Amino acid sequence: MAARTVLTSDTLETFRTTFNSLSSTDVGDIATLTTTATSVVGAINELNASSYAGFTISDSASNTTQEIGSNDNISFAGDSNIQIAVSAQDTVTYTLNTTITGISSITSTTFTDGTATLTGGSITGAVNITATGTTESAIITENSVRIATRPFAIAQAVALG
């Protein structure tokens, strides 16, 4: 917008058109205000009083809250097992990696890897099972027939055929 000036030597008509341009063109029509104010200054003051106040985020684990103000930035942190992506339309997407590492404990009634299933201490569908340490209390069956797991029992089964 260029500066509007009326010279002392200008006519009353020049003053009128310059003044009218200032109010309707440069400032706008007061009738089109979408605030409750009735003047431009009142609208600016109303807008200033209702400025963005922010919001609060909280976690479900410890009920910790954090205020997010107008100049704050929310950062979503993943780790080696969880990837996080932010995208348009205010979306946060959490993705569990296909390979999980560093977990010391998992609790579930059934674990399935696509072939083998572990349910209630029984393994089904496994092609190979490798045990380390003591397996004396284990009962292993193949086609509903118990398989010997102790060295003497294995030797005895081989000897007897």
N, C-alpha and C. Protein backbone atom coordinates (compact mmCIF):
# COMPACT_ATOMS: atom_id res chain seq x y z
N MET A 1 0.85 -1.16 0.00
CA MET A 1 0.00 0.00 0.00
C MET A 1 0.90 1.23 0.00
N ALA A 2 0.59 2.08 -0.90
CA ALA A 2 1.33 3.34 -0.96
C ALA A 2 0.79 4.29 0.09
N ALA A 3 1.61 5.23 0.50
CA ALA A 3 1.17 6.22 1.48
C ALA A 3 0.14 7.13 0.82
N ARG A 4 -0.92 7.41 1.55
CA ARG A 4 -1.98 8.30 1.05
C ARG A 4 -1.71 9.70 1.59
N THR A 5 -1.61 10.62 0.71
CA THR A 5 -1.37 12.01 1.12
C THR A 5 -2.31 12.95 0.36
N VAL A 6 -2.68 13.99 1.04
CA VAL A 6 -3.49 15.05 0.43
C VAL A 6 -2.71 16.35 0.65
N LEU A 7 -2.40 16.97 -0.43
CA LEU A 7 -1.65 18.22 -0.35
C LEU A 7 -2.59 19.37 0.01
N THR A 8 -2.04 20.39 0.59
CA THR A 8 -2.87 21.55 0.95
C THR A 8 -3.42 22.24 -0.29
N SER A 9 -2.82 22.04 -1.42
CA SER A 9 -3.29 22.67 -2.66
C SER A 9 -4.31 21.79 -3.40
N ASP A 10 -4.55 20.51 -2.92
CA ASP A 10 -5.51 19.62 -3.57
C ASP A 10 -6.93 20.09 -3.32
N THR A 11 -7.82 19.66 -4.21
CA THR A 11 -9.23 20.03 -4.10
C THR A 11 -9.92 19.17 -3.04
N LEU A 12 -11.12 19.60 -2.67
CA LEU A 12 -11.92 18.84 -1.74
C LEU A 12 -12.27 17.47 -2.33
N GLU A 13 -12.46 17.37 -3.62
CA GLU A 13 -12.75 16.09 -4.29
C GLU A 13 -11.56 15.14 -4.18
N THR A 14 -10.36 15.60 -4.33
CA THR A 14 -9.16 14.77 -4.16
C THR A 14 -9.07 14.27 -2.73
N PHE A 15 -9.35 15.16 -1.77
CA PHE A 15 -9.36 14.74 -0.37
C PHE A 15 -10.40 13.64 -0.13
N ARG A 16 -11.62 13.81 -0.69
CA ARG A 16 -12.69 12.83 -0.51
C ARG A 16 -12.30 11.48 -1.08
N THR A 17 -11.82 11.40 -2.28
CA THR A 17 -11.47 10.11 -2.89
C THR A 17 -10.27 9.47 -2.19
N THR A 18 -9.33 10.27 -1.75
CA THR A 18 -8.17 9.73 -1.02
C THR A 18 -8.61 9.16 0.32
N PHE A 19 -9.46 9.90 1.03
CA PHE A 19 -9.95 9.44 2.33
C PHE A 19 -10.79 8.16 2.18
N ASN A 20 -11.67 8.12 1.19
CA ASN A 20 -12.50 6.93 0.97
C ASN A 20 -11.65 5.71 0.61
N SER A 21 -10.60 5.88 -0.15
CA SER A 21 -9.70 4.76 -0.48
C SER A 21 -9.01 4.23 0.77
N LEU A 22 -8.65 5.17 1.63
CA LEU A 22 -7.98 4.77 2.87
C LEU A 22 -8.88 3.86 3.70
N SER A 23 -10.11 4.23 3.90
CA SER A 23 -10.98 3.43 4.78
C SER A 23 -11.49 2.16 4.10
N SER A 24 -11.92 2.18 2.87
CA SER A 24 -12.52 0.99 2.26
C SER A 24 -11.49 0.08 1.60
N THR A 25 -10.49 0.63 0.95
CA THR A 25 -9.53 -0.19 0.22
C THR A 25 -8.39 -0.66 1.12
N ASP A 26 -7.79 0.27 1.86
CA ASP A 26 -6.62 -0.07 2.66
C ASP A 26 -6.97 -0.78 3.96
N VAL A 27 -8.02 -0.36 4.65
CA VAL A 27 -8.38 -0.92 5.94
C VAL A 27 -9.43 -2.01 5.77
N GLY A 28 -10.36 -1.87 4.90
CA GLY A 28 -11.42 -2.85 4.68
C GLY A 28 -12.74 -2.36 5.21
N ASP A 29 -13.79 -3.07 4.84
CA ASP A 29 -15.15 -2.70 5.23
C ASP A 29 -15.43 -3.21 6.64
N ILE A 30 -15.75 -2.33 7.56
CA ILE A 30 -16.01 -2.70 8.95
C ILE A 30 -17.18 -3.68 9.04
N ALA A 31 -18.12 -3.61 8.11
CA ALA A 31 -19.29 -4.50 8.12
C ALA A 31 -18.89 -5.97 7.92
N THR A 32 -17.70 -6.23 7.38
CA THR A 32 -17.27 -7.61 7.14
C THR A 32 -16.42 -8.19 8.27
N LEU A 33 -16.31 -7.48 9.40
CA LEU A 33 -15.56 -8.02 10.54
C LEU A 33 -16.24 -9.30 11.04
N THR A 34 -15.46 -10.32 11.36
CA THR A 34 -16.02 -11.57 11.90
C THR A 34 -15.83 -11.65 13.41
N THR A 35 -15.49 -10.55 14.03
CA THR A 35 -15.37 -10.49 15.49
C THR A 35 -16.61 -9.76 16.03
N THR A 36 -16.70 -9.63 17.33
CA THR A 36 -17.81 -8.89 17.93
C THR A 36 -17.51 -7.40 18.02
N ALA A 37 -16.30 -7.00 17.63
CA ALA A 37 -15.90 -5.60 17.69
C ALA A 37 -16.60 -4.80 16.59
N THR A 38 -16.69 -3.50 16.80
CA THR A 38 -17.34 -2.63 15.81
C THR A 38 -16.34 -1.67 15.15
N SER A 39 -15.06 -1.83 15.48
CA SER A 39 -14.03 -1.00 14.85
C SER A 39 -12.81 -1.87 14.58
N VAL A 40 -11.94 -1.39 13.71
CA VAL A 40 -10.72 -2.12 13.38
C VAL A 40 -9.83 -2.24 14.61
N VAL A 41 -9.70 -1.20 15.36
CA VAL A 41 -8.89 -1.24 16.58
C VAL A 41 -9.50 -2.21 17.57
N GLY A 42 -10.80 -2.20 17.71
CA GLY A 42 -11.48 -3.13 18.61
C GLY A 42 -11.26 -4.58 18.17
N ALA A 43 -11.30 -4.82 16.86
CA ALA A 43 -11.07 -6.18 16.34
C ALA A 43 -9.64 -6.63 16.62
N ILE A 44 -8.68 -5.74 16.45
CA ILE A 44 -7.28 -6.09 16.73
C ILE A 44 -7.11 -6.39 18.21
N ASN A 45 -7.71 -5.58 19.07
CA ASN A 45 -7.64 -5.82 20.52
C ASN A 45 -8.31 -7.14 20.90
N GLU A 46 -9.44 -7.45 20.28
CA GLU A 46 -10.13 -8.72 20.56
C GLU A 46 -9.29 -9.90 20.12
N LEU A 47 -8.69 -9.80 18.96
CA LEU A 47 -7.81 -10.87 18.46
C LEU A 47 -6.61 -11.05 19.37
N ASN A 48 -6.02 -9.96 19.81
CA ASN A 48 -4.86 -10.04 20.70
C ASN A 48 -5.23 -10.70 22.03
N ALA A 49 -6.41 -10.41 22.56
CA ALA A 49 -6.84 -10.98 23.83
C ALA A 49 -7.13 -12.47 23.72
N SER A 50 -7.48 -12.93 22.54
CA SER A 50 -7.82 -14.35 22.37
C SER A 50 -6.71 -15.09 21.64
N SER A 51 -5.46 -14.71 21.88
CA SER A 51 -4.35 -15.35 21.20
C SER A 51 -4.22 -16.81 21.60
N TYR A 52 -3.49 -17.56 20.82
CA TYR A 52 -3.31 -18.99 21.03
C TYR A 52 -2.75 -19.28 22.42
N ALA A 53 -3.44 -20.11 23.16
CA ALA A 53 -3.04 -20.39 24.54
C ALA A 53 -2.29 -21.71 24.67
N GLY A 54 -2.19 -22.48 23.60
CA GLY A 54 -1.49 -23.76 23.66
C GLY A 54 -2.39 -24.89 24.10
N PHE A 55 -1.78 -26.03 24.46
CA PHE A 55 -2.52 -27.20 24.91
C PHE A 55 -1.62 -28.05 25.78
N THR A 56 -2.17 -29.11 26.37
CA THR A 56 -1.43 -29.98 27.27
C THR A 56 -1.40 -31.39 26.72
N ILE A 57 -0.25 -32.05 26.80
CA ILE A 57 -0.15 -33.46 26.45
C ILE A 57 0.17 -34.23 27.73
N SER A 58 -0.20 -35.51 27.78
CA SER A 58 0.09 -36.33 28.95
C SER A 58 0.37 -37.76 28.52
N ASP A 59 1.12 -38.49 29.35
CA ASP A 59 1.38 -39.89 29.06
C ASP A 59 0.48 -40.78 29.91
N SER A 60 0.36 -42.03 29.49
CA SER A 60 -0.51 -42.95 30.22
C SER A 60 0.26 -43.72 31.30
N ALA A 61 1.57 -43.70 31.23
CA ALA A 61 2.37 -44.48 32.17
C ALA A 61 2.47 -43.82 33.55
N SER A 62 2.79 -42.55 33.59
CA SER A 62 3.01 -41.89 34.88
C SER A 62 2.11 -40.69 35.09
N ASN A 63 1.17 -40.44 34.17
CA ASN A 63 0.29 -39.29 34.23
C ASN A 63 1.05 -37.97 34.28
N THR A 64 2.22 -37.94 33.66
CA THR A 64 2.99 -36.72 33.55
C THR A 64 2.38 -35.86 32.46
N THR A 65 2.25 -34.56 32.72
CA THR A 65 1.70 -33.64 31.72
C THR A 65 2.77 -32.64 31.30
N GLN A 66 2.58 -32.10 30.11
CA GLN A 66 3.50 -31.10 29.58
C GLN A 66 2.68 -30.06 28.82
N GLU A 67 2.89 -28.80 29.15
CA GLU A 67 2.21 -27.71 28.45
C GLU A 67 2.93 -27.44 27.13
N ILE A 68 2.16 -27.28 26.06
CA ILE A 68 2.70 -26.93 24.76
C ILE A 68 2.21 -25.53 24.42
N GLY A 69 3.14 -24.58 24.36
CA GLY A 69 2.80 -23.19 24.10
C GLY A 69 2.90 -22.86 22.63
N SER A 70 2.68 -21.61 22.30
CA SER A 70 2.62 -21.18 20.91
C SER A 70 3.95 -21.32 20.17
N ASN A 71 5.07 -21.28 20.85
CA ASN A 71 6.36 -21.41 20.17
C ASN A 71 7.05 -22.74 20.47
N ASP A 72 6.34 -23.68 21.09
CA ASP A 72 6.92 -24.97 21.43
C ASP A 72 6.82 -25.93 20.25
N ASN A 73 7.67 -26.95 20.28
CA ASN A 73 7.69 -27.98 19.25
C ASN A 73 7.56 -29.34 19.94
N ILE A 74 6.64 -30.18 19.48
CA ILE A 74 6.50 -31.53 20.03
C ILE A 74 7.42 -32.45 19.24
N SER A 75 8.22 -33.21 19.94
CA SER A 75 9.11 -34.17 19.32
C SER A 75 8.68 -35.57 19.72
N PHE A 76 8.43 -36.45 18.75
CA PHE A 76 8.03 -37.82 19.01
C PHE A 76 9.27 -38.69 18.89
N ALA A 77 9.67 -39.34 19.99
CA ALA A 77 10.92 -40.09 20.02
C ALA A 77 10.66 -41.58 19.92
N GLY A 78 11.29 -42.23 18.97
CA GLY A 78 11.24 -43.68 18.86
C GLY A 78 12.51 -44.28 19.41
N ASP A 79 12.77 -45.53 19.09
CA ASP A 79 14.02 -46.17 19.48
C ASP A 79 14.38 -47.18 18.41
N SER A 80 15.30 -48.12 18.72
CA SER A 80 15.74 -49.07 17.70
C SER A 80 14.64 -50.04 17.30
N ASN A 81 13.56 -50.14 18.08
CA ASN A 81 12.47 -51.07 17.78
C ASN A 81 11.21 -50.38 17.27
N ILE A 82 11.07 -49.09 17.49
CA ILE A 82 9.87 -48.37 17.09
C ILE A 82 10.27 -47.16 16.26
N GLN A 83 9.71 -47.07 15.06
CA GLN A 83 9.94 -45.92 14.18
C GLN A 83 8.70 -45.03 14.23
N ILE A 84 8.90 -43.73 14.21
CA ILE A 84 7.80 -42.78 14.27
C ILE A 84 7.92 -41.82 13.10
N ALA A 85 6.78 -41.60 12.43
CA ALA A 85 6.75 -40.66 11.31
C ALA A 85 5.58 -39.70 11.50
N VAL A 86 5.82 -38.42 11.23
CA VAL A 86 4.74 -37.44 11.24
C VAL A 86 4.44 -37.07 9.80
N SER A 87 3.15 -36.85 9.51
CA SER A 87 2.75 -36.53 8.15
C SER A 87 1.60 -35.54 8.17
N ALA A 88 1.16 -35.17 6.99
CA ALA A 88 0.11 -34.17 6.83
C ALA A 88 -1.17 -34.56 7.56
N GLN A 89 -1.96 -33.56 7.77
CA GLN A 89 -3.24 -33.70 8.47
C GLN A 89 -3.05 -34.16 9.91
N ASP A 90 -2.00 -33.69 10.57
CA ASP A 90 -1.79 -33.92 12.00
C ASP A 90 -1.76 -35.39 12.37
N THR A 91 -0.97 -36.18 11.64
CA THR A 91 -0.92 -37.62 11.85
C THR A 91 0.45 -38.05 12.36
N VAL A 92 0.47 -38.89 13.41
CA VAL A 92 1.69 -39.51 13.90
C VAL A 92 1.51 -41.02 13.72
N THR A 93 2.46 -41.67 13.03
CA THR A 93 2.37 -43.10 12.77
C THR A 93 3.51 -43.81 13.49
N TYR A 94 3.15 -44.80 14.33
CA TYR A 94 4.12 -45.61 15.06
C TYR A 94 4.22 -46.95 14.35
N THR A 95 5.45 -47.40 14.05
CA THR A 95 5.67 -48.67 13.37
C THR A 95 6.64 -49.52 14.17
N LEU A 96 6.23 -50.74 14.49
CA LEU A 96 7.10 -51.68 15.18
C LEU A 96 8.00 -52.34 14.14
N ASN A 97 9.32 -52.29 14.35
CA ASN A 97 10.25 -52.88 13.40
C ASN A 97 10.02 -54.39 13.27
N THR A 98 10.37 -54.94 12.13
CA THR A 98 10.19 -56.39 11.92
C THR A 98 11.20 -57.20 12.73
N THR A 99 12.32 -56.63 13.08
CA THR A 99 13.30 -57.29 13.94
C THR A 99 13.39 -56.51 15.24
N ILE A 100 13.10 -57.18 16.35
CA ILE A 100 13.10 -56.54 17.66
C ILE A 100 14.35 -56.99 18.42
N THR A 101 15.07 -56.04 19.01
CA THR A 101 16.28 -56.37 19.75
C THR A 101 16.24 -55.74 21.13
N GLY A 102 17.02 -56.30 22.05
CA GLY A 102 17.21 -55.71 23.37
C GLY A 102 16.07 -55.92 24.34
N ILE A 103 15.15 -56.83 24.05
CA ILE A 103 14.04 -57.08 24.96
C ILE A 103 14.42 -58.21 25.91
N SER A 104 14.24 -57.99 27.21
CA SER A 104 14.60 -59.01 28.18
C SER A 104 13.41 -59.85 28.63
N SER A 105 12.18 -59.41 28.35
CA SER A 105 11.02 -60.16 28.78
C SER A 105 9.82 -59.81 27.91
N ILE A 106 9.06 -60.84 27.52
CA ILE A 106 7.80 -60.66 26.80
C ILE A 106 6.79 -61.59 27.45
N THR A 107 5.59 -61.11 27.67
CA THR A 107 4.54 -61.93 28.25
C THR A 107 3.38 -62.03 27.26
N SER A 108 2.97 -63.26 26.96
CA SER A 108 1.83 -63.49 26.09
C SER A 108 1.38 -64.93 26.26
N THR A 109 0.15 -65.22 25.90
CA THR A 109 -0.32 -66.61 25.99
C THR A 109 0.13 -67.42 24.80
N THR A 110 0.35 -66.78 23.65
CA THR A 110 0.78 -67.48 22.44
C THR A 110 1.76 -66.61 21.66
N PHE A 111 2.85 -67.23 21.19
CA PHE A 111 3.80 -66.59 20.29
C PHE A 111 3.83 -67.37 19.00
N THR A 112 3.75 -66.69 17.86
CA THR A 112 3.79 -67.35 16.57
C THR A 112 4.75 -66.59 15.67
N ASP A 113 5.63 -67.33 14.98
CA ASP A 113 6.54 -66.67 14.04
C ASP A 113 6.13 -66.94 12.60
N GLY A 114 4.97 -67.44 12.37
CA GLY A 114 4.51 -67.76 11.03
C GLY A 114 4.53 -69.25 10.77
N THR A 115 5.39 -70.00 11.45
CA THR A 115 5.48 -71.45 11.30
C THR A 115 5.30 -72.13 12.64
N ALA A 116 6.17 -71.81 13.57
CA ALA A 116 6.12 -72.44 14.89
C ALA A 116 5.28 -71.59 15.84
N THR A 117 4.63 -72.29 16.79
CA THR A 117 3.80 -71.61 17.78
C THR A 117 4.18 -72.10 19.16
N LEU A 118 4.32 -71.18 20.09
CA LEU A 118 4.58 -71.50 21.49
C LEU A 118 3.34 -71.09 22.28
N THR A 119 2.64 -72.08 22.83
CA THR A 119 1.43 -71.82 23.60
C THR A 119 1.47 -72.63 24.88
N GLY A 120 1.38 -71.96 26.01
CA GLY A 120 1.32 -72.64 27.30
C GLY A 120 2.48 -73.61 27.53
N GLY A 121 3.67 -73.30 27.03
CA GLY A 121 4.84 -74.15 27.25
C GLY A 121 5.02 -75.23 26.19
N SER A 122 4.10 -75.37 25.23
CA SER A 122 4.21 -76.37 24.17
C SER A 122 4.58 -75.69 22.87
N ILE A 123 5.52 -76.31 22.14
CA ILE A 123 5.95 -75.79 20.85
C ILE A 123 5.35 -76.68 19.77
N THR A 124 4.67 -76.08 18.80
CA THR A 124 4.11 -76.82 17.67
C THR A 124 4.59 -76.19 16.38
N GLY A 125 4.73 -77.03 15.34
CA GLY A 125 5.10 -76.54 14.02
C GLY A 125 6.56 -76.23 13.85
N ALA A 126 7.41 -76.50 14.82
CA ALA A 126 8.84 -76.19 14.71
C ALA A 126 9.55 -77.25 13.90
N VAL A 127 10.46 -76.84 13.03
CA VAL A 127 11.26 -77.76 12.23
C VAL A 127 12.46 -78.22 13.03
N ASN A 128 13.15 -77.34 13.68
CA ASN A 128 14.33 -77.66 14.48
C ASN A 128 14.21 -76.99 15.84
N ILE A 129 14.56 -77.72 16.89
CA ILE A 129 14.60 -77.15 18.23
C ILE A 129 15.98 -77.43 18.78
N THR A 130 16.68 -76.40 19.20
CA THR A 130 18.00 -76.54 19.78
C THR A 130 17.91 -76.11 21.23
N ALA A 131 18.33 -76.98 22.13
CA ALA A 131 18.29 -76.66 23.56
C ALA A 131 19.71 -76.55 24.09
N THR A 132 19.91 -75.61 24.97
CA THR A 132 21.19 -75.49 25.66
C THR A 132 20.92 -75.61 27.14
N GLY A 133 21.87 -76.14 27.87
CA GLY A 133 21.67 -76.31 29.30
C GLY A 133 20.96 -77.62 29.60
N THR A 134 20.33 -77.70 30.75
CA THR A 134 19.67 -78.92 31.20
C THR A 134 18.27 -79.02 30.62
N THR A 135 17.96 -80.15 30.00
CA THR A 135 16.63 -80.39 29.44
C THR A 135 16.02 -81.65 30.04
N GLU A 136 16.46 -82.03 31.24
CA GLU A 136 16.01 -83.28 31.84
C GLU A 136 14.51 -83.30 32.12
N SER A 137 13.93 -82.15 32.42
CA SER A 137 12.51 -82.16 32.75
C SER A 137 11.64 -82.02 31.51
N ALA A 138 12.25 -81.85 30.34
CA ALA A 138 11.47 -81.69 29.11
C ALA A 138 10.95 -83.02 28.62
N ILE A 139 9.74 -83.00 28.11
CA ILE A 139 9.16 -84.17 27.46
C ILE A 139 8.98 -83.80 26.00
N ILE A 140 9.70 -84.50 25.13
CA ILE A 140 9.64 -84.22 23.71
C ILE A 140 8.93 -85.38 23.03
N THR A 141 7.96 -85.02 22.18
CA THR A 141 7.24 -86.05 21.44
C THR A 141 7.32 -85.77 19.96
N GLU A 142 7.27 -86.86 19.18
CA GLU A 142 7.19 -86.74 17.74
C GLU A 142 6.08 -87.66 17.29
N ASN A 143 5.09 -87.10 16.63
CA ASN A 143 3.91 -87.87 16.23
C ASN A 143 3.30 -88.60 17.42
N SER A 144 3.17 -87.88 18.52
CA SER A 144 2.57 -88.38 19.77
C SER A 144 3.38 -89.49 20.44
N VAL A 145 4.63 -89.73 20.02
CA VAL A 145 5.50 -90.73 20.65
C VAL A 145 6.59 -89.99 21.40
N ARG A 146 6.76 -90.37 22.69
CA ARG A 146 7.75 -89.72 23.53
C ARG A 146 9.15 -90.07 23.05
N ILE A 147 10.02 -89.05 22.98
CA ILE A 147 11.39 -89.25 22.53
C ILE A 147 12.31 -89.11 23.73
N ALA A 148 13.26 -90.04 23.84
CA ALA A 148 14.21 -90.02 24.95
C ALA A 148 15.12 -88.82 24.83
N THR A 149 15.41 -88.17 25.98
CA THR A 149 16.29 -86.99 25.99
C THR A 149 17.53 -87.20 26.85
N ARG A 150 17.58 -88.26 27.64
CA ARG A 150 18.73 -88.52 28.50
C ARG A 150 19.69 -89.46 27.77
N PRO A 151 20.99 -89.25 27.95
CA PRO A 151 21.97 -90.07 27.21
C PRO A 151 21.79 -91.58 27.39
N PHE A 152 21.56 -92.03 28.61
CA PHE A 152 21.42 -93.48 28.82
C PHE A 152 20.17 -94.00 28.12
N ALA A 153 19.07 -93.25 28.22
CA ALA A 153 17.83 -93.67 27.57
C ALA A 153 17.99 -93.71 26.06
N ILE A 154 18.74 -92.81 25.51
CA ILE A 154 18.97 -92.79 24.07
C ILE A 154 19.81 -94.00 23.67
N ALA A 155 20.85 -94.29 24.44
CA ALA A 155 21.69 -95.46 24.15
C ALA A 155 20.89 -96.75 24.27
N GLN A 156 20.03 -96.82 25.27
CA GLN A 156 19.20 -97.99 25.47
C GLN A 156 18.22 -98.15 24.30
N ALA A 157 17.62 -97.05 23.85
CA ALA A 157 16.68 -97.12 22.72
C ALA A 157 17.37 -97.55 21.45
N VAL A 158 18.61 -97.10 21.24
CA VAL A 158 19.36 -97.50 20.04
C VAL A 158 19.73 -98.97 20.12
N ALA A 159 20.15 -99.43 21.30
CA ALA A 159 20.55 -100.82 21.48
C ALA A 159 19.36 -101.77 21.28
N LEU A 160 18.20 -101.37 21.77
CA LEU A 160 17.03 -102.23 21.67
C LEU A 160 16.30 -102.08 20.34
N GLY A 161 16.67 -101.06 19.61
CA GLY A 161 16.10 -100.89 18.27
C GLY A 161 14.76 -100.33 18.32
